[in-house]
Amino acid sequence: MKMIPILALTGLALSCVVAGQAHAGDARAGRQKLTTCQGCHGLDGLSKNPEAPNLAGQLESYLVRSLAAYKSGERKNESMNIVAKDLSDEDIADVAAYYASIQVDVLPP
């Protein structure tokens, strides 16, 4: 008889986890949305601008959180706040998926 409450709690916990997950990004769609990003972050996500970080190979979840923070104004950068304010949640997920999908090789000195 104790099995029913445990199963109910497990089901409730699982539904909360699934409901809390963000939209999974589409890397192909993200690649089509990068024109604004490329000016500062480079054509391939490897910045030539010392003021702009490399985005290639970054963790997708980090990129989503960062873009959402720029969009909300929680994170401050004049350029990024302007660019991010017009991004939809889907745009953010797609761009993050694209940059995260780029393989970066690290070669020690």
PDB file of N, CA and C in Angstrom:
ATOM      1  N   MET A   1       0.809  -1.200   0.000  1.00  0.00           N
ATOM      2  CA  MET A   1       0.000   0.000   0.000  1.00  0.00           C
ATOM      3  C   MET A   1       0.849   1.259   0.000  1.00  0.00           C
ATOM      4  N   LYS A   2       2.065   1.190   0.492  1.00  0.00           N
ATOM      5  CA  LYS A   2       2.938   2.355   0.497  1.00  0.00           C
ATOM      6  C   LYS A   2       3.492   2.633  -0.905  1.00  0.00           C
ATOM      7  N   MET A   3       3.350   1.671  -1.800  1.00  0.00           N
ATOM      8  CA  MET A   3       3.877   1.822  -3.158  1.00  0.00           C
ATOM      9  C   MET A   3       3.131   2.912  -3.923  1.00  0.00           C
ATOM     10  N   ILE A   4       1.849   3.064  -3.711  1.00  0.00           N
ATOM     11  CA  ILE A   4       1.060   4.056  -4.444  1.00  0.00           C
ATOM     12  C   ILE A   4       1.541   5.479  -4.155  1.00  0.00           C
ATOM     13  N   PRO A   5       1.743   5.880  -2.886  1.00  0.00           N
ATOM     14  CA  PRO A   5       2.252   7.236  -2.661  1.00  0.00           C
ATOM     15  C   PRO A   5       3.634   7.464  -3.264  1.00  0.00           C
ATOM     16  N   ILE A   6       4.487   6.457  -3.224  1.00  0.00           N
ATOM     17  CA  ILE A   6       5.828   6.600  -3.801  1.00  0.00           C
ATOM     18  C   ILE A   6       5.732   6.796  -5.306  1.00  0.00           C
ATOM     19  N   LEU A   7       4.885   5.999  -5.968  1.00  0.00           N
ATOM     20  CA  LEU A   7       4.706   6.154  -7.416  1.00  0.00           C
ATOM     21  C   LEU A   7       4.097   7.507  -7.749  1.00  0.00           C
ATOM     22  N   ALA A   8       3.159   7.951  -6.945  1.00  0.00           N
ATOM     23  CA  ALA A   8       2.545   9.258  -7.181  1.00  0.00           C
ATOM     24  C   ALA A   8       3.572  10.373  -7.055  1.00  0.00           C
ATOM     25  N   LEU A   9       4.408  10.299  -6.026  1.00  0.00           N
ATOM     26  CA  LEU A   9       5.451  11.315  -5.846  1.00  0.00           C
ATOM     27  C   LEU A   9       6.472  11.268  -6.972  1.00  0.00           C
ATOM     28  N   THR A  10       6.833  10.067  -7.400  1.00  0.00           N
ATOM     29  CA  THR A  10       7.789   9.928  -8.503  1.00  0.00           C
ATOM     30  C   THR A  10       7.213  10.542  -9.779  1.00  0.00           C
ATOM     31  N   GLY A  11       5.938  10.243 -10.064  1.00  0.00           N
ATOM     32  CA  GLY A  11       5.295  10.806 -11.247  1.00  0.00           C
ATOM     33  C   GLY A  11       5.212  12.320 -11.187  1.00  0.00           C
ATOM     34  N   LEU A  12       4.878  12.849 -10.014  1.00  0.00           N
ATOM     35  CA  LEU A  12       4.802  14.293  -9.835  1.00  0.00           C
ATOM     36  C   LEU A  12       6.169  14.939 -10.040  1.00  0.00           C
ATOM     37  N   ALA A  13       7.196  14.349  -9.463  1.00  0.00           N
ATOM     38  CA  ALA A  13       8.549  14.896  -9.609  1.00  0.00           C
ATOM     39  C   ALA A  13       8.984  14.869 -11.067  1.00  0.00           C
ATOM     40  N   LEU A  14       8.706  13.773 -11.760  1.00  0.00           N
ATOM     41  CA  LEU A  14       9.089  13.661 -13.166  1.00  0.00           C
ATOM     42  C   LEU A  14       8.353  14.691 -14.009  1.00  0.00           C
ATOM     43  N   SER A  15       7.067  14.907 -13.755  1.00  0.00           N
ATOM     44  CA  SER A  15       6.324  15.895 -14.539  1.00  0.00           C
ATOM     45  C   SER A  15       6.846  17.298 -14.287  1.00  0.00           C
ATOM     46  N   CYS A  16       7.302  17.580 -13.085  1.00  0.00           N
ATOM     47  CA  CYS A  16       7.871  18.899 -12.795  1.00  0.00           C
ATOM     48  C   CYS A  16       9.176  19.108 -13.538  1.00  0.00           C
ATOM     49  N   VAL A  17       9.995  18.067 -13.613  1.00  0.00           N
ATOM     50  CA  VAL A  17      11.263  18.164 -14.333  1.00  0.00           C
ATOM     51  C   VAL A  17      11.014  18.397 -15.811  1.00  0.00           C
ATOM     52  N   VAL A  18      10.112  17.635 -16.401  1.00  0.00           N
ATOM     53  CA  VAL A  18       9.819  17.776 -17.827  1.00  0.00           C
ATOM     54  C   VAL A  18       9.205  19.142 -18.111  1.00  0.00           C
ATOM     55  N   ALA A  19       8.297  19.593 -17.279  1.00  0.00           N
ATOM     56  CA  ALA A  19       7.665  20.894 -17.498  1.00  0.00           C
ATOM     57  C   ALA A  19       8.661  22.031 -17.370  1.00  0.00           C
ATOM     58  N   GLY A  20       9.692  21.863 -16.560  1.00  0.00           N
ATOM     59  CA  GLY A  20      10.675  22.913 -16.338  1.00  0.00           C
ATOM     60  C   GLY A  20      11.767  22.973 -17.381  1.00  0.00           C
ATOM     61  N   GLN A  21      11.808  22.007 -18.300  1.00  0.00           N
ATOM     62  CA  GLN A  21      12.863  22.000 -19.299  1.00  0.00           C
ATOM     63  C   GLN A  21      12.594  23.052 -20.358  1.00  0.00           C
ATOM     64  N   ALA A  22      13.662  23.681 -20.821  1.00  0.00           N
ATOM     65  CA  ALA A  22      13.546  24.705 -21.857  1.00  0.00           C
ATOM     66  C   ALA A  22      13.421  24.039 -23.223  1.00  0.00           C
ATOM     67  N   HIS A  23      13.009  24.821 -24.191  1.00  0.00           N
ATOM     68  CA  HIS A  23      12.919  24.378 -25.575  1.00  0.00           C
ATOM     69  C   HIS A  23      14.289  23.909 -26.040  1.00  0.00           C
ATOM     70  N   ALA A  24      14.355  22.710 -26.586  1.00  0.00           N
ATOM     71  CA  ALA A  24      15.623  22.203 -27.112  1.00  0.00           C
ATOM     72  C   ALA A  24      15.935  22.945 -28.399  1.00  0.00           C
ATOM     73  N   GLY A  25      17.152  23.442 -28.496  1.00  0.00           N
ATOM     74  CA  GLY A  25      17.524  24.233 -29.651  1.00  0.00           C
ATOM     75  C   GLY A  25      17.793  23.412 -30.888  1.00  0.00           C
ATOM     76  N   ASP A  26      17.635  24.035 -32.033  1.00  0.00           N
ATOM     77  CA  ASP A  26      17.888  23.440 -33.338  1.00  0.00           C
ATOM     78  C   ASP A  26      19.119  24.133 -33.923  1.00  0.00           C
ATOM     79  N   ALA A  27      20.231  23.417 -33.960  1.00  0.00           N
ATOM     80  CA  ALA A  27      21.498  24.000 -34.410  1.00  0.00           C
ATOM     81  C   ALA A  27      21.413  24.494 -35.856  1.00  0.00           C
ATOM     82  N   ARG A  28      20.719  23.768 -36.717  1.00  0.00           N
ATOM     83  CA  ARG A  28      20.591  24.200 -38.121  1.00  0.00           C
ATOM     84  C   ARG A  28      19.839  25.526 -38.216  1.00  0.00           C
ATOM     85  N   ALA A  29      18.770  25.639 -37.458  1.00  0.00           N
ATOM     86  CA  ALA A  29      18.004  26.890 -37.450  1.00  0.00           C
ATOM     87  C   ALA A  29      18.851  28.010 -36.849  1.00  0.00           C
ATOM     88  N   GLY A  30      19.621  27.677 -35.818  1.00  0.00           N
ATOM     89  CA  GLY A  30      20.484  28.665 -35.184  1.00  0.00           C
ATOM     90  C   GLY A  30      21.508  29.241 -36.133  1.00  0.00           C
ATOM     91  N   ARG A  31      22.039  28.400 -36.988  1.00  0.00           N
ATOM     92  CA  ARG A  31      23.037  28.865 -37.956  1.00  0.00           C
ATOM     93  C   ARG A  31      22.468  29.932 -38.881  1.00  0.00           C
ATOM     94  N   GLN A  32      21.177  29.841 -39.171  1.00  0.00           N
ATOM     95  CA  GLN A  32      20.524  30.809 -40.051  1.00  0.00           C
ATOM     96  C   GLN A  32      20.242  32.140 -39.354  1.00  0.00           C
ATOM     97  N   LYS A  33      20.368  32.177 -38.026  1.00  0.00           N
ATOM     98  CA  LYS A  33      20.010  33.358 -37.240  1.00  0.00           C
ATOM     99  C   LYS A  33      21.226  34.132 -36.732  1.00  0.00           C
ATOM    100  N   LEU A  34      22.415  33.842 -37.225  1.00  0.00           N
ATOM    101  CA  LEU A  34      23.654  34.363 -36.643  1.00  0.00           C
ATOM    102  C   LEU A  34      24.170  35.664 -37.224  1.00  0.00           C
ATOM    103  N   THR A  35      23.540  36.245 -38.186  1.00  0.00           N
ATOM    104  CA  THR A  35      24.135  37.397 -38.866  1.00  0.00           C
ATOM    105  C   THR A  35      24.501  38.518 -37.899  1.00  0.00           C
ATOM    106  N   THR A  36      23.673  38.787 -36.923  1.00  0.00           N
ATOM    107  CA  THR A  36      23.972  39.854 -35.965  1.00  0.00           C
ATOM    108  C   THR A  36      25.144  39.460 -35.072  1.00  0.00           C
ATOM    109  N   CYS A  37      25.214  38.199 -34.690  1.00  0.00           N
ATOM    110  CA  CYS A  37      26.258  37.714 -33.779  1.00  0.00           C
ATOM    111  C   CYS A  37      27.648  37.753 -34.429  1.00  0.00           C
ATOM    112  N   GLN A  38      27.690  37.462 -35.722  1.00  0.00           N
ATOM    113  CA  GLN A  38      28.964  37.308 -36.414  1.00  0.00           C
ATOM    114  C   GLN A  38      29.806  38.573 -36.447  1.00  0.00           C
ATOM    115  N   GLY A  39      29.190  39.725 -36.386  1.00  0.00           N
ATOM    116  CA  GLY A  39      29.938  40.977 -36.417  1.00  0.00           C
ATOM    117  C   GLY A  39      30.951  41.079 -35.283  1.00  0.00           C
ATOM    118  N   CYS A  40      30.586  40.611 -34.111  1.00  0.00           N
ATOM    119  CA  CYS A  40      31.478  40.688 -32.944  1.00  0.00           C
ATOM    120  C   CYS A  40      32.121  39.347 -32.595  1.00  0.00           C
ATOM    121  N   HIS A  41      31.365  38.259 -32.789  1.00  0.00           N
ATOM    122  CA  HIS A  41      31.829  36.953 -32.323  1.00  0.00           C
ATOM    123  C   HIS A  41      32.457  36.112 -33.429  1.00  0.00           C
ATOM    124  N   GLY A  42      32.605  36.667 -34.625  1.00  0.00           N
ATOM    125  CA  GLY A  42      33.265  35.969 -35.723  1.00  0.00           C
ATOM    126  C   GLY A  42      32.324  35.072 -36.513  1.00  0.00           C
ATOM    127  N   LEU A  43      32.712  34.773 -37.741  1.00  0.00           N
ATOM    128  CA  LEU A  43      31.892  33.942 -38.625  1.00  0.00           C
ATOM    129  C   LEU A  43      31.691  32.542 -38.073  1.00  0.00           C
ATOM    130  N   ASP A  44      32.678  32.049 -37.341  1.00  0.00           N
ATOM    131  CA  ASP A  44      32.652  30.679 -36.829  1.00  0.00           C
ATOM    132  C   ASP A  44      32.549  30.625 -35.305  1.00  0.00           C
ATOM    133  N   GLY A  45      32.202  31.749 -34.685  1.00  0.00           N
ATOM    134  CA  GLY A  45      32.103  31.785 -33.225  1.00  0.00           C
ATOM    135  C   GLY A  45      33.430  32.007 -32.534  1.00  0.00           C
ATOM    136  N   LEU A  46      34.483  32.211 -33.322  1.00  0.00           N
ATOM    137  CA  LEU A  46      35.809  32.509 -32.779  1.00  0.00           C
ATOM    138  C   LEU A  46      36.091  33.979 -33.051  1.00  0.00           C
ATOM    139  N   SER A  47      35.989  34.768 -32.018  1.00  0.00           N
ATOM    140  CA  SER A  47      36.057  36.209 -32.141  1.00  0.00           C
ATOM    141  C   SER A  47      37.447  36.715 -32.494  1.00  0.00           C
ATOM    142  N   LYS A  48      37.464  37.706 -33.366  1.00  0.00           N
ATOM    143  CA  LYS A  48      38.707  38.426 -33.668  1.00  0.00           C
ATOM    144  C   LYS A  48      38.751  39.722 -32.860  1.00  0.00           C
ATOM    145  N   ASN A  49      37.649  40.026 -32.192  1.00  0.00           N
ATOM    146  CA  ASN A  49      37.500  41.233 -31.387  1.00  0.00           C
ATOM    147  C   ASN A  49      37.880  40.912 -29.936  1.00  0.00           C
ATOM    148  N   PRO A  50      38.886  41.579 -29.384  1.00  0.00           N
ATOM    149  CA  PRO A  50      39.307  41.268 -28.010  1.00  0.00           C
ATOM    150  C   PRO A  50      38.246  41.585 -26.957  1.00  0.00           C
ATOM    151  N   GLU A  51      37.229  42.353 -27.307  1.00  0.00           N
ATOM    152  CA  GLU A  51      36.157  42.694 -26.367  1.00  0.00           C
ATOM    153  C   GLU A  51      35.003  41.690 -26.399  1.00  0.00           C
ATOM    154  N   ALA A  52      34.992  40.800 -27.380  1.00  0.00           N
ATOM    155  CA  ALA A  52      33.891  39.836 -27.533  1.00  0.00           C
ATOM    156  C   ALA A  52      34.418  38.420 -27.306  1.00  0.00           C
ATOM    157  N   PRO A  53      33.737  37.648 -26.478  1.00  0.00           N
ATOM    158  CA  PRO A  53      34.212  36.285 -26.197  1.00  0.00           C
ATOM    159  C   PRO A  53      33.952  35.328 -27.359  1.00  0.00           C
ATOM    160  N   ASN A  54      34.724  34.244 -27.381  1.00  0.00           N
ATOM    161  CA  ASN A  54      34.464  33.148 -28.307  1.00  0.00           C
ATOM    162  C   ASN A  54      33.198  32.435 -27.857  1.00  0.00           C
ATOM    163  N   LEU A  55      32.346  32.089 -28.803  1.00  0.00           N
ATOM    164  CA  LEU A  55      31.124  31.365 -28.480  1.00  0.00           C
ATOM    165  C   LEU A  55      31.178  29.912 -28.939  1.00  0.00           C
ATOM    166  N   ALA A  56      32.034  29.620 -29.888  1.00  0.00           N
ATOM    167  CA  ALA A  56      32.150  28.257 -30.408  1.00  0.00           C
ATOM    168  C   ALA A  56      32.532  27.295 -29.289  1.00  0.00           C
ATOM    169  N   GLY A  57      31.783  26.204 -29.206  1.00  0.00           N
ATOM    170  CA  GLY A  57      32.091  25.168 -28.237  1.00  0.00           C
ATOM    171  C   GLY A  57      31.645  25.445 -26.810  1.00  0.00           C
ATOM    172  N   GLN A  58      30.996  26.578 -26.571  1.00  0.00           N
ATOM    173  CA  GLN A  58      30.502  26.872 -25.225  1.00  0.00           C
ATOM    174  C   GLN A  58      29.368  25.914 -24.881  1.00  0.00           C
ATOM    175  N   LEU A  59      29.124  25.725 -23.603  1.00  0.00           N
ATOM    176  CA  LEU A  59      28.010  24.894 -23.170  1.00  0.00           C
ATOM    177  C   LEU A  59      26.686  25.546 -23.572  1.00  0.00           C
ATOM    178  N   GLU A  60      25.801  24.747 -24.117  1.00  0.00           N
ATOM    179  CA  GLU A  60      24.507  25.259 -24.576  1.00  0.00           C
ATOM    180  C   GLU A  60      23.723  25.904 -23.435  1.00  0.00           C
ATOM    181  N   SER A  61      23.711  25.270 -22.280  1.00  0.00           N
ATOM    182  CA  SER A  61      22.956  25.806 -21.148  1.00  0.00           C
ATOM    183  C   SER A  61      23.521  27.152 -20.693  1.00  0.00           C
ATOM    184  N   TYR A  62      24.834  27.304 -20.749  1.00  0.00           N
ATOM    185  CA  TYR A  62      25.464  28.583 -20.393  1.00  0.00           C
ATOM    186  C   TYR A  62      25.041  29.684 -21.366  1.00  0.00           C
ATOM    187  N   LEU A  63      25.058  29.358 -22.660  1.00  0.00           N
ATOM    188  CA  LEU A  63      24.681  30.348 -23.669  1.00  0.00           C
ATOM    189  C   LEU A  63      23.213  30.748 -23.531  1.00  0.00           C
ATOM    190  N   VAL A  64      22.342  29.785 -23.261  1.00  0.00           N
ATOM    191  CA  VAL A  64      20.923  30.090 -23.072  1.00  0.00           C
ATOM    192  C   VAL A  64      20.743  31.010 -21.872  1.00  0.00           C
ATOM    193  N   ARG A  65      21.373  30.659 -20.743  1.00  0.00           N
ATOM    194  CA  ARG A  65      21.255  31.490 -19.535  1.00  0.00           C
ATOM    195  C   ARG A  65      21.794  32.891 -19.772  1.00  0.00           C
ATOM    196  N   SER A  66      22.943  32.985 -20.448  1.00  0.00           N
ATOM    197  CA  SER A  66      23.561  34.286 -20.699  1.00  0.00           C
ATOM    198  C   SER A  66      22.689  35.159 -21.593  1.00  0.00           C
ATOM    199  N   LEU A  67      22.199  34.596 -22.690  1.00  0.00           N
ATOM    200  CA  LEU A  67      21.344  35.375 -23.588  1.00  0.00           C
ATOM    201  C   LEU A  67      20.047  35.798 -22.909  1.00  0.00           C
ATOM    202  N   ALA A  68      19.471  34.911 -22.115  1.00  0.00           N
ATOM    203  CA  ALA A  68      18.250  35.261 -21.385  1.00  0.00           C
ATOM    204  C   ALA A  68      18.528  36.388 -20.390  1.00  0.00           C
ATOM    205  N   ALA A  69      19.693  36.355 -19.747  1.00  0.00           N
ATOM    206  CA  ALA A  69      20.058  37.412 -18.789  1.00  0.00           C
ATOM    207  C   ALA A  69      20.293  38.738 -19.501  1.00  0.00           C
ATOM    208  N   TYR A  70      20.887  38.713 -20.685  1.00  0.00           N
ATOM    209  CA  TYR A  70      21.040  39.945 -21.464  1.00  0.00           C
ATOM    210  C   TYR A  70      19.667  40.472 -21.886  1.00  0.00           C
ATOM    211  N   LYS A  71      18.798  39.573 -22.305  1.00  0.00           N
ATOM    212  CA  LYS A  71      17.460  39.962 -22.752  1.00  0.00           C
ATOM    213  C   LYS A  71      16.667  40.627 -21.630  1.00  0.00           C
ATOM    214  N   SER A  72      16.755  40.080 -20.435  1.00  0.00           N
ATOM    215  CA  SER A  72      15.996  40.624 -19.300  1.00  0.00           C
ATOM    216  C   SER A  72      16.642  41.870 -18.707  1.00  0.00           C
ATOM    217  N   GLY A  73      17.906  42.108 -19.045  1.00  0.00           N
ATOM    218  CA  GLY A  73      18.631  43.231 -18.466  1.00  0.00           C
ATOM    219  C   GLY A  73      19.357  42.878 -17.185  1.00  0.00           C
ATOM    220  N   GLU A  74      19.220  41.623 -16.739  1.00  0.00           N
ATOM    221  CA  GLU A  74      19.918  41.165 -15.534  1.00  0.00           C
ATOM    222  C   GLU A  74      21.436  41.230 -15.739  1.00  0.00           C
ATOM    223  N   ARG A  75      21.883  40.912 -16.943  1.00  0.00           N
ATOM    224  CA  ARG A  75      23.300  40.998 -17.293  1.00  0.00           C
ATOM    225  C   ARG A  75      23.462  42.209 -18.198  1.00  0.00           C
ATOM    226  N   LYS A  76      24.471  43.022 -17.935  1.00  0.00           N
ATOM    227  CA  LYS A  76      24.618  44.304 -18.635  1.00  0.00           C
ATOM    228  C   LYS A  76      25.767  44.304 -19.641  1.00  0.00           C
ATOM    229  N   ASN A  77      25.450  44.655 -20.860  1.00  0.00           N
ATOM    230  CA  ASN A  77      26.401  44.953 -21.916  1.00  0.00           C
ATOM    231  C   ASN A  77      25.597  45.706 -22.961  1.00  0.00           C
ATOM    232  N   GLU A  78      26.005  46.931 -23.252  1.00  0.00           N
ATOM    233  CA  GLU A  78      25.211  47.795 -24.119  1.00  0.00           C
ATOM    234  C   GLU A  78      24.819  47.104 -25.423  1.00  0.00           C
ATOM    235  N   SER A  79      25.768  46.503 -26.101  1.00  0.00           N
ATOM    236  CA  SER A  79      25.480  45.845 -27.384  1.00  0.00           C
ATOM    237  C   SER A  79      24.607  44.614 -27.204  1.00  0.00           C
ATOM    238  N   MET A  80      24.962  43.772 -26.246  1.00  0.00           N
ATOM    239  CA  MET A  80      24.222  42.523 -26.061  1.00  0.00           C
ATOM    240  C   MET A  80      22.792  42.763 -25.576  1.00  0.00           C
ATOM    241  N   ASN A  81      22.581  43.760 -24.738  1.00  0.00           N
ATOM    242  CA  ASN A  81      21.227  44.053 -24.274  1.00  0.00           C
ATOM    243  C   ASN A  81      20.340  44.480 -25.442  1.00  0.00           C
ATOM    244  N   ILE A  82      20.896  45.238 -26.380  1.00  0.00           N
ATOM    245  CA  ILE A  82      20.143  45.684 -27.552  1.00  0.00           C
ATOM    246  C   ILE A  82      19.823  44.499 -28.456  1.00  0.00           C
ATOM    247  N   VAL A  83      20.816  43.665 -28.728  1.00  0.00           N
ATOM    248  CA  VAL A  83      20.626  42.523 -29.623  1.00  0.00           C
ATOM    249  C   VAL A  83      19.675  41.503 -29.010  1.00  0.00           C
ATOM    250  N   ALA A  84      19.854  41.176 -27.746  1.00  0.00           N
ATOM    251  CA  ALA A  84      19.094  40.097 -27.114  1.00  0.00           C
ATOM    252  C   ALA A  84      17.632  40.454 -26.864  1.00  0.00           C
ATOM    253  N   LYS A  85      17.319  41.731 -26.750  1.00  0.00           N
ATOM    254  CA  LYS A  85      15.936  42.113 -26.398  1.00  0.00           C
ATOM    255  C   LYS A  85      14.923  41.645 -27.428  1.00  0.00           C
ATOM    256  N   ASP A  86      15.324  41.487 -28.669  1.00  0.00           N
ATOM    257  CA  ASP A  86      14.400  41.078 -29.724  1.00  0.00           C
ATOM    258  C   ASP A  86      14.409  39.573 -30.000  1.00  0.00           C
ATOM    259  N   LEU A  87      15.225  38.813 -29.263  1.00  0.00           N
ATOM    260  CA  LEU A  87      15.293  37.368 -29.480  1.00  0.00           C
ATOM    261  C   LEU A  87      14.145  36.656 -28.772  1.00  0.00           C
ATOM    262  N   SER A  88      13.534  35.718 -29.465  1.00  0.00           N
ATOM    263  CA  SER A  88      12.518  34.875 -28.832  1.00  0.00           C
ATOM    264  C   SER A  88      13.240  33.766 -28.054  1.00  0.00           C
ATOM    265  N   ASP A  89      12.508  33.056 -27.219  1.00  0.00           N
ATOM    266  CA  ASP A  89      13.102  31.924 -26.500  1.00  0.00           C
ATOM    267  C   ASP A  89      13.607  30.883 -27.496  1.00  0.00           C
ATOM    268  N   GLU A  90      12.878  30.708 -28.587  1.00  0.00           N
ATOM    269  CA  GLU A  90      13.295  29.753 -29.615  1.00  0.00           C
ATOM    270  C   GLU A  90      14.584  30.221 -30.291  1.00  0.00           C
ATOM    271  N   ASP A  91      14.691  31.508 -30.608  1.00  0.00           N
ATOM    272  CA  ASP A  91      15.920  32.048 -31.199  1.00  0.00           C
ATOM    273  C   ASP A  91      17.112  31.784 -30.277  1.00  0.00           C
ATOM    274  N   ILE A  92      16.936  32.065 -28.997  1.00  0.00           N
ATOM    275  CA  ILE A  92      18.009  31.871 -28.021  1.00  0.00           C
ATOM    276  C   ILE A  92      18.422  30.409 -27.986  1.00  0.00           C
ATOM    277  N   ALA A  93      17.451  29.513 -27.929  1.00  0.00           N
ATOM    278  CA  ALA A  93      17.756  28.081 -27.878  1.00  0.00           C
ATOM    279  C   ALA A  93      18.477  27.624 -29.144  1.00  0.00           C
ATOM    280  N   ASP A  94      18.039  28.113 -30.311  1.00  0.00           N
ATOM    281  CA  ASP A  94      18.632  27.708 -31.581  1.00  0.00           C
ATOM    282  C   ASP A  94      20.067  28.218 -31.731  1.00  0.00           C
ATOM    283  N   VAL A  95      20.294  29.477 -31.407  1.00  0.00           N
ATOM    284  CA  VAL A  95      21.642  30.055 -31.506  1.00  0.00           C
ATOM    285  C   VAL A  95      22.584  29.349 -30.526  1.00  0.00           C
ATOM    286  N   ALA A  96      22.109  29.108 -29.320  1.00  0.00           N
ATOM    287  CA  ALA A  96      22.924  28.405 -28.325  1.00  0.00           C
ATOM    288  C   ALA A  96      23.256  26.997 -28.798  1.00  0.00           C
ATOM    289  N   ALA A  97      22.286  26.308 -29.386  1.00  0.00           N
ATOM    290  CA  ALA A  97      22.522  24.953 -29.896  1.00  0.00           C
ATOM    291  C   ALA A  97      23.572  24.967 -30.997  1.00  0.00           C
ATOM    292  N   TYR A  98      23.500  25.964 -31.878  1.00  0.00           N
ATOM    293  CA  TYR A  98      24.485  26.038 -32.961  1.00  0.00           C
ATOM    294  C   TYR A  98      25.893  26.248 -32.420  1.00  0.00           C
ATOM    295  N   TYR A  99      26.078  27.262 -31.597  1.00  0.00           N
ATOM    296  CA  TYR A  99      27.424  27.531 -31.082  1.00  0.00           C
ATOM    297  C   TYR A  99      27.947  26.364 -30.248  1.00  0.00           C
ATOM    298  N   ALA A 100      27.094  25.723 -29.487  1.00  0.00           N
ATOM    299  CA  ALA A 100      27.518  24.586 -28.665  1.00  0.00           C
ATOM    300  C   ALA A 100      27.905  23.391 -29.533  1.00  0.00           C
ATOM    301  N   SER A 101      27.343  23.304 -30.729  1.00  0.00           N
ATOM    302  CA  SER A 101      27.628  22.159 -31.603  1.00  0.00           C
ATOM    303  C   SER A 101      28.970  22.272 -32.328  1.00  0.00           C
ATOM    304  N   ILE A 102      29.589  23.433 -32.283  1.00  0.00           N
ATOM    305  CA  ILE A 102      30.870  23.623 -32.966  1.00  0.00           C
ATOM    306  C   ILE A 102      31.965  22.960 -32.130  1.00  0.00           C
ATOM    307  N   GLN A 103      32.709  22.092 -32.770  1.00  0.00           N
ATOM    308  CA  GLN A 103      33.803  21.398 -32.089  1.00  0.00           C
ATOM    309  C   GLN A 103      35.035  22.290 -32.057  1.00  0.00           C
ATOM    310  N   VAL A 104      35.609  22.431 -30.894  1.00  0.00           N
ATOM    311  CA  VAL A 104      36.810  23.232 -30.722  1.00  0.00           C
ATOM    312  C   VAL A 104      37.910  22.300 -30.231  1.00  0.00           C
ATOM    313  N   ASP A 105      39.019  22.290 -30.919  1.00  0.00           N
ATOM    314  CA  ASP A 105      40.160  21.474 -30.509  1.00  0.00           C
ATOM    315  C   ASP A 105      41.134  22.340 -29.717  1.00  0.00           C
ATOM    316  N   VAL A 106      41.566  21.815 -28.597  1.00  0.00           N
ATOM    317  CA  VAL A 106      42.518  22.518 -27.745  1.00  0.00           C
ATOM    318  C   VAL A 106      43.868  21.822 -27.894  1.00  0.00           C
ATOM    319  N   LEU A 107      44.864  22.587 -28.261  1.00  0.00           N
ATOM    320  CA  LEU A 107      46.197  22.041 -28.429  1.00  0.00           C
ATOM    321  C   LEU A 107      47.119  22.663 -27.382  1.00  0.00           C
ATOM    322  N   PRO A 108      47.545  21.882 -26.412  1.00  0.00           N
ATOM    323  CA  PRO A 108      48.441  22.441 -25.379  1.00  0.00           C
ATOM    324  C   PRO A 108      49.755  22.926 -26.000  1.00  0.00           C
ATOM    325  N   PRO A 109      50.369  23.913 -25.381  1.00  0.00           N
ATOM    326  CA  PRO A 109      51.625  24.441 -25.927  1.00  0.00           C
ATOM    327  C   PRO A 109      52.745  23.429 -25.852  1.00  0.00           C
TER     328      PRO A 109
END
